C-alpha cells in the first residue's frame, strides 16, 4: 500500500489513532525482506469477525493490537529508515 511518504508519518498517524480510537485490533500490512517483516500500513478492524484482508502485491497482513505495532515501526525506522 504505502500511502505514507516516510515511516515517521506512519508512526505519527498510528499514535494519533491510538489516542483517538484506542488500542484496538488492527490489520498490519507488511512485506518480507530478508526474513524480516517490514510494515507498510495498517487499518483498524471494522468487526471482530472480519476476514483477514489480502495485501496489495507482495504484502501480507496480520492481526495485532495497535500498541503492538508502534514499537515495531520505531525499530523498523532505526534499522530500515528508507523502506
N, C-alpha and C. Protein backbone atom coordinates (compact mmCIF):
# COMPACT_ATOMS: atom_id res chain seq x y z
N UNK A 1 0.83 -1.18 0.00
CA UNK A 1 0.00 0.00 0.00
C UNK A 1 0.87 1.25 0.00
N UNK A 2 1.59 1.47 1.08
CA UNK A 2 2.50 2.60 1.22
C UNK A 2 1.87 3.94 0.85
N UNK A 3 0.92 4.35 1.63
CA UNK A 3 0.28 5.65 1.42
C UNK A 3 1.06 6.78 2.08
N UNK A 4 2.08 6.44 2.82
CA UNK A 4 2.82 7.42 3.59
C UNK A 4 4.14 7.75 2.91
N UNK A 5 4.55 9.01 2.99
CA UNK A 5 5.81 9.44 2.38
C UNK A 5 7.02 8.85 3.09
N UNK A 6 6.92 8.72 4.40
CA UNK A 6 8.01 8.10 5.15
C UNK A 6 7.45 7.41 6.39
N UNK A 7 8.31 6.65 7.03
CA UNK A 7 7.90 5.86 8.18
C UNK A 7 7.49 6.73 9.36
N UNK A 8 8.12 7.88 9.52
CA UNK A 8 7.76 8.77 10.63
C UNK A 8 6.31 9.21 10.51
N UNK A 9 5.85 9.46 9.30
CA UNK A 9 4.45 9.86 9.08
C UNK A 9 3.50 8.74 9.52
N UNK A 10 3.85 7.50 9.23
CA UNK A 10 3.03 6.36 9.64
C UNK A 10 3.01 6.24 11.17
N UNK A 11 4.14 6.47 11.81
CA UNK A 11 4.23 6.41 13.28
C UNK A 11 3.36 7.49 13.91
N UNK A 12 3.46 8.71 13.42
CA UNK A 12 2.66 9.82 13.95
C UNK A 12 1.17 9.53 13.78
N UNK A 13 0.78 9.00 12.64
CA UNK A 13 -0.63 8.67 12.38
C UNK A 13 -1.12 7.58 13.35
N UNK A 14 -0.29 6.57 13.58
CA UNK A 14 -0.67 5.49 14.50
C UNK A 14 -0.83 6.02 15.93
N UNK A 15 0.08 6.88 16.37
CA UNK A 15 -0.02 7.46 17.71
C UNK A 15 -1.33 8.23 17.85
N UNK A 16 -1.66 9.02 16.84
CA UNK A 16 -2.91 9.79 16.87
C UNK A 16 -4.12 8.87 16.86
N UNK A 17 -4.08 7.82 16.08
CA UNK A 17 -5.21 6.88 16.03
C UNK A 17 -5.40 6.15 17.36
N UNK A 18 -4.32 5.78 17.99
CA UNK A 18 -4.42 5.11 19.29
C UNK A 18 -5.05 6.07 20.30
N UNK A 19 -4.66 7.34 20.27
CA UNK A 19 -5.22 8.33 21.18
C UNK A 19 -6.71 8.56 20.90
N UNK A 20 -7.09 8.58 19.63
CA UNK A 20 -8.48 8.85 19.25
C UNK A 20 -9.38 7.62 19.34
N UNK A 21 -8.88 6.50 18.85
CA UNK A 21 -9.72 5.29 18.71
C UNK A 21 -9.48 4.31 19.84
N UNK A 22 -8.23 4.22 20.28
CA UNK A 22 -7.89 3.29 21.35
C UNK A 22 -6.99 2.17 20.86
N UNK A 23 -6.62 1.33 21.77
CA UNK A 23 -5.74 0.20 21.47
C UNK A 23 -6.58 -0.98 20.98
N UNK A 24 -7.11 -0.82 19.80
CA UNK A 24 -7.97 -1.83 19.20
C UNK A 24 -7.16 -2.77 18.31
N UNK A 25 -7.81 -3.85 17.88
CA UNK A 25 -7.17 -4.75 16.92
C UNK A 25 -7.10 -4.08 15.56
N UNK A 26 -5.97 -4.29 14.90
CA UNK A 26 -5.76 -3.72 13.57
C UNK A 26 -5.26 -4.81 12.63
N UNK A 27 -5.33 -4.51 11.36
CA UNK A 27 -4.63 -5.30 10.35
C UNK A 27 -3.34 -4.55 10.04
N UNK A 28 -2.22 -5.15 10.31
CA UNK A 28 -0.92 -4.56 9.99
C UNK A 28 -0.44 -5.18 8.69
N UNK A 29 -0.13 -4.34 7.71
CA UNK A 29 0.34 -4.80 6.42
C UNK A 29 1.85 -4.72 6.38
N UNK A 30 2.48 -5.74 5.81
CA UNK A 30 3.93 -5.80 5.77
C UNK A 30 4.41 -6.53 4.53
N UNK A 31 5.68 -6.33 4.23
CA UNK A 31 6.39 -7.08 3.21
C UNK A 31 7.53 -7.80 3.90
N UNK A 32 7.88 -8.94 3.39
CA UNK A 32 9.01 -9.67 3.96
C UNK A 32 10.26 -9.40 3.13
N UNK A 33 11.32 -8.95 3.81
CA UNK A 33 12.62 -8.69 3.19
C UNK A 33 13.68 -9.36 4.04
N UNK A 34 14.42 -10.26 3.46
CA UNK A 34 15.50 -10.95 4.18
C UNK A 34 15.01 -11.59 5.47
N UNK A 35 13.81 -12.17 5.42
CA UNK A 35 13.25 -12.87 6.57
C UNK A 35 12.67 -11.97 7.65
N UNK A 36 12.60 -10.67 7.41
CA UNK A 36 12.04 -9.73 8.38
C UNK A 36 10.77 -9.10 7.84
N UNK A 37 9.87 -8.79 8.76
CA UNK A 37 8.64 -8.10 8.39
C UNK A 37 8.91 -6.60 8.38
N UNK A 38 8.63 -5.95 7.26
CA UNK A 38 8.76 -4.51 7.16
C UNK A 38 7.36 -3.95 6.93
N UNK A 39 6.86 -3.23 7.91
CA UNK A 39 5.47 -2.77 7.91
C UNK A 39 5.29 -1.57 6.99
N UNK A 40 4.19 -1.58 6.27
CA UNK A 40 3.92 -0.55 5.27
C UNK A 40 2.65 0.25 5.56
N UNK A 41 1.72 -0.33 6.32
CA UNK A 41 0.45 0.34 6.57
C UNK A 41 -0.33 -0.44 7.61
N UNK A 42 -1.46 0.08 8.01
CA UNK A 42 -2.36 -0.61 8.94
C UNK A 42 -3.76 -0.06 8.74
N UNK A 43 -4.71 -0.80 9.24
CA UNK A 43 -6.08 -0.29 9.32
C UNK A 43 -6.79 -1.00 10.45
N UNK A 44 -7.69 -0.27 11.11
CA UNK A 44 -8.44 -0.85 12.21
C UNK A 44 -9.47 -1.84 11.68
N UNK A 45 -9.70 -2.89 12.45
CA UNK A 45 -10.72 -3.87 12.07
C UNK A 45 -12.09 -3.23 12.24
N UNK A 46 -12.98 -3.50 11.32
CA UNK A 46 -14.33 -2.98 11.39
C UNK A 46 -15.23 -3.84 12.25
N UNK A 47 -14.92 -5.12 12.32
CA UNK A 47 -15.77 -6.08 13.01
C UNK A 47 -14.88 -7.20 13.53
N UNK A 48 -15.13 -7.73 14.72
CA UNK A 48 -14.28 -8.81 15.24
C UNK A 48 -14.24 -10.04 14.33
N UNK A 49 -15.31 -10.28 13.58
CA UNK A 49 -15.36 -11.45 12.70
C UNK A 49 -14.86 -11.15 11.29
N UNK A 50 -14.35 -9.96 11.08
CA UNK A 50 -13.87 -9.57 9.74
C UNK A 50 -12.79 -10.53 9.25
N UNK A 51 -12.88 -10.94 8.00
CA UNK A 51 -11.88 -11.84 7.42
C UNK A 51 -10.58 -11.09 7.15
N UNK A 52 -9.51 -11.83 7.25
CA UNK A 52 -8.19 -11.23 7.03
C UNK A 52 -8.08 -10.73 5.59
N UNK A 53 -7.71 -9.46 5.42
CA UNK A 53 -7.60 -8.92 4.07
C UNK A 53 -6.31 -9.36 3.39
N UNK A 54 -6.39 -9.42 2.08
CA UNK A 54 -5.18 -9.69 1.31
C UNK A 54 -4.40 -8.40 1.19
N UNK A 55 -3.13 -8.50 1.17
CA UNK A 55 -2.30 -7.33 0.97
C UNK A 55 -2.27 -6.95 -0.51
N UNK A 56 -1.64 -5.84 -0.80
CA UNK A 56 -1.50 -5.37 -2.16
C UNK A 56 -0.17 -5.87 -2.71
N UNK A 57 -0.19 -6.55 -3.83
CA UNK A 57 1.04 -7.10 -4.40
C UNK A 57 1.64 -8.17 -3.52
N UNK A 58 2.86 -7.94 -3.04
CA UNK A 58 3.54 -8.94 -2.20
C UNK A 58 3.26 -8.76 -0.72
N UNK A 59 2.45 -7.77 -0.38
CA UNK A 59 2.12 -7.52 1.03
C UNK A 59 1.32 -8.66 1.63
N UNK A 60 1.52 -8.83 2.92
CA UNK A 60 0.73 -9.75 3.72
C UNK A 60 0.13 -8.94 4.85
N UNK A 61 -0.78 -9.54 5.60
CA UNK A 61 -1.37 -8.85 6.74
C UNK A 61 -1.40 -9.77 7.94
N UNK A 62 -1.42 -9.14 9.11
CA UNK A 62 -1.56 -9.88 10.36
C UNK A 62 -2.40 -9.05 11.32
N UNK A 63 -3.11 -9.73 12.19
CA UNK A 63 -3.93 -9.04 13.19
C UNK A 63 -3.12 -8.87 14.46
N UNK A 64 -3.00 -7.62 14.92
CA UNK A 64 -2.33 -7.33 16.18
C UNK A 64 -3.02 -6.12 16.82
N UNK A 65 -2.69 -5.84 18.06
CA UNK A 65 -3.17 -4.63 18.73
C UNK A 65 -2.39 -3.43 18.18
N UNK A 66 -3.05 -2.30 18.12
CA UNK A 66 -2.41 -1.09 17.59
C UNK A 66 -1.13 -0.76 18.36
N UNK A 67 -1.17 -0.91 19.69
CA UNK A 67 0.01 -0.58 20.50
C UNK A 67 1.17 -1.53 20.25
N UNK A 68 0.91 -2.72 19.74
CA UNK A 68 1.98 -3.66 19.43
C UNK A 68 2.73 -3.24 18.17
N UNK A 69 2.04 -2.57 17.25
CA UNK A 69 2.68 -2.15 16.01
C UNK A 69 3.64 -0.99 16.25
N UNK A 70 3.33 -0.13 17.19
CA UNK A 70 4.13 1.08 17.41
C UNK A 70 5.61 0.79 17.66
N UNK A 71 5.99 -0.08 18.59
CA UNK A 71 7.42 -0.34 18.77
C UNK A 71 8.06 -1.02 17.57
N UNK A 72 7.28 -1.80 16.84
CA UNK A 72 7.80 -2.45 15.64
C UNK A 72 8.14 -1.41 14.58
N UNK A 73 7.29 -0.40 14.44
CA UNK A 73 7.56 0.67 13.48
C UNK A 73 8.77 1.50 13.90
N UNK A 74 8.90 1.77 15.19
CA UNK A 74 10.04 2.55 15.68
C UNK A 74 11.35 1.79 15.46
N UNK A 75 11.34 0.50 15.71
CA UNK A 75 12.53 -0.33 15.45
C UNK A 75 12.84 -0.36 13.96
N UNK A 76 11.81 -0.49 13.16
CA UNK A 76 12.00 -0.51 11.71
C UNK A 76 12.60 0.81 11.22
N UNK A 77 12.17 1.91 11.81
CA UNK A 77 12.69 3.21 11.42
C UNK A 77 14.20 3.30 11.67
N UNK A 78 14.66 2.69 12.76
CA UNK A 78 16.09 2.70 13.08
C UNK A 78 16.88 1.79 12.13
N UNK A 79 16.32 0.62 11.83
CA UNK A 79 17.05 -0.38 11.06
C UNK A 79 16.84 -0.30 9.55
N UNK A 80 15.69 0.22 9.12
CA UNK A 80 15.36 0.29 7.69
C UNK A 80 14.67 1.64 7.41
N UNK A 81 15.36 2.74 7.60
CA UNK A 81 14.71 4.05 7.51
C UNK A 81 14.15 4.40 6.13
N UNK A 82 14.65 3.79 5.09
CA UNK A 82 14.22 4.11 3.74
C UNK A 82 13.16 3.17 3.18
N UNK A 83 12.70 2.23 4.01
CA UNK A 83 11.69 1.30 3.50
C UNK A 83 10.33 1.93 3.54
